[in-house]
Amino acid sequence: MTERITASVNGEHRELRAGTTLADVVASLSTAPAGVAAAVNEDVVPRGRWAATAVAEGDRIEILTAVQGG
């Protein structure tokens, strides 16, 4: 049995596999190669640290994608 955790992703509670990284969460929501920002518990996480940032029980994750237009 795989251990599960619950985190808030863009305001929605999600059940995730324990050991999920921020990079995994971003990849599940966006395929954009650029223009994506991520924050965990209101702290922006630089893209270079996404793969090393493990999601913990109760974390609040926000993923923002820039869009072009007016």
C-alpha atoms as a PDB file:
ATOM      1  CA  MET A   1       0.000   0.000   0.000  1.00  0.00           C
ATOM      2  CA  THR A   2       1.362   3.429  -0.979  1.00  0.00           C
ATOM      3  CA  GLU A   3       1.339   6.127   1.659  1.00  0.00           C
ATOM      4  CA  ARG A   4      -0.747   9.159   0.686  1.00  0.00           C
ATOM      5  CA  ILE A   5      -0.708  12.788   1.802  1.00  0.00           C
ATOM      6  CA  THR A   6      -3.175  15.609   1.320  1.00  0.00           C
ATOM      7  CA  ALA A   7      -2.131  19.034   0.035  1.00  0.00           C
ATOM      8  CA  SER A   8      -3.965  22.048  -1.360  1.00  0.00           C
ATOM      9  CA  VAL A   9      -3.124  22.695  -5.019  1.00  0.00           C
ATOM     10  CA  ASN A  10      -4.489  25.980  -6.388  1.00  0.00           C
ATOM     11  CA  GLY A  11      -7.130  25.925  -3.658  1.00  0.00           C
ATOM     12  CA  GLU A  12      -8.250  22.314  -4.253  1.00  0.00           C
ATOM     13  CA  HIS A  13      -7.489  19.542  -1.785  1.00  0.00           C
ATOM     14  CA  ARG A  14      -5.638  16.730  -3.541  1.00  0.00           C
ATOM     15  CA  GLU A  15      -4.450  13.363  -2.406  1.00  0.00           C
ATOM     16  CA  LEU A  16      -0.865  12.777  -3.521  1.00  0.00           C
ATOM     17  CA  ARG A  17       1.583   9.911  -3.242  1.00  0.00           C
ATOM     18  CA  ALA A  18       4.082  10.414  -0.411  1.00  0.00           C
ATOM     19  CA  GLY A  19       7.382  11.534  -1.934  1.00  0.00           C
ATOM     20  CA  THR A  20       5.717  13.669  -4.601  1.00  0.00           C
ATOM     21  CA  THR A  21       7.872  16.656  -5.527  1.00  0.00           C
ATOM     22  CA  LEU A  22       6.851  20.125  -6.576  1.00  0.00           C
ATOM     23  CA  ALA A  23       8.139  19.257 -10.065  1.00  0.00           C
ATOM     24  CA  ASP A  24       5.674  16.331 -10.172  1.00  0.00           C
ATOM     25  CA  VAL A  25       2.772  18.609  -9.203  1.00  0.00           C
ATOM     26  CA  VAL A  26       3.726  21.245 -11.786  1.00  0.00           C
ATOM     27  CA  ALA A  27       4.070  18.598 -14.514  1.00  0.00           C
ATOM     28  CA  SER A  28       0.602  17.264 -13.705  1.00  0.00           C
ATOM     29  CA  LEU A  29      -0.928  20.716 -14.232  1.00  0.00           C
ATOM     30  CA  SER A  30       1.102  22.339 -17.000  1.00  0.00           C
ATOM     31  CA  THR A  31       3.139  21.266 -20.002  1.00  0.00           C
ATOM     32  CA  ALA A  32       4.358  24.816 -20.606  1.00  0.00           C
ATOM     33  CA  PRO A  33       8.160  24.865 -20.870  1.00  0.00           C
ATOM     34  CA  ALA A  34       8.330  28.436 -19.550  1.00  0.00           C
ATOM     35  CA  GLY A  35       6.176  31.066 -17.893  1.00  0.00           C
ATOM     36  CA  VAL A  36       5.297  28.894 -14.900  1.00  0.00           C
ATOM     37  CA  ALA A  37       5.850  29.907 -11.270  1.00  0.00           C
ATOM     38  CA  ALA A  38       5.291  27.829  -8.158  1.00  0.00           C
ATOM     39  CA  ALA A  39       4.916  28.648  -4.481  1.00  0.00           C
ATOM     40  CA  VAL A  40       4.666  26.395  -1.452  1.00  0.00           C
ATOM     41  CA  ASN A  41       3.079  27.831   1.679  1.00  0.00           C
ATOM     42  CA  GLU A  42       3.285  31.305   0.128  1.00  0.00           C
ATOM     43  CA  ASP A  43       7.038  31.074  -0.582  1.00  0.00           C
ATOM     44  CA  VAL A  44       8.079  31.167  -4.245  1.00  0.00           C
ATOM     45  CA  VAL A  45      10.271  28.177  -5.096  1.00  0.00           C
ATOM     46  CA  PRO A  46      12.839  28.739  -7.864  1.00  0.00           C
ATOM     47  CA  ARG A  47      12.439  26.347 -10.816  1.00  0.00           C
ATOM     48  CA  GLY A  48      15.844  24.819 -10.102  1.00  0.00           C
ATOM     49  CA  ARG A  49      14.609  23.579  -6.712  1.00  0.00           C
ATOM     50  CA  TRP A  50      11.275  22.070  -7.834  1.00  0.00           C
ATOM     51  CA  ALA A  51      12.662  18.528  -8.199  1.00  0.00           C
ATOM     52  CA  ALA A  52      14.253  18.684  -4.743  1.00  0.00           C
ATOM     53  CA  THR A  53      11.180  20.143  -3.005  1.00  0.00           C
ATOM     54  CA  ALA A  54       9.108  17.355  -1.482  1.00  0.00           C
ATOM     55  CA  VAL A  55       5.429  18.070  -0.877  1.00  0.00           C
ATOM     56  CA  ALA A  56       4.442  17.554   2.762  1.00  0.00           C
ATOM     57  CA  GLU A  57       1.100  16.863   4.414  1.00  0.00           C
ATOM     58  CA  GLY A  58      -0.973  20.049   4.509  1.00  0.00           C
ATOM     59  CA  ASP A  59       1.208  22.087   2.146  1.00  0.00           C
ATOM     60  CA  ARG A  60      -0.490  24.878   0.203  1.00  0.00           C
ATOM     61  CA  ILE A  61       0.782  24.893  -3.381  1.00  0.00           C
ATOM     62  CA  GLU A  62       0.029  27.551  -5.966  1.00  0.00           C
ATOM     63  CA  ILE A  63       0.977  27.054  -9.621  1.00  0.00           C
ATOM     64  CA  LEU A  64       0.718  30.107 -11.870  1.00  0.00           C
ATOM     65  CA  THR A  65       1.064  30.116 -15.639  1.00  0.00           C
ATOM     66  CA  ALA A  66       1.620  33.323 -17.575  1.00  0.00           C
ATOM     67  CA  VAL A  67      -0.741  33.822 -20.510  1.00  0.00           C
ATOM     68  CA  GLN A  68      -0.285  36.148 -23.456  1.00  0.00           C
ATOM     69  CA  GLY A  69      -3.013  38.471 -24.547  1.00  0.00           C
ATOM     70  CA  GLY A  70      -4.862  41.512 -23.472  1.00  0.00           C
END
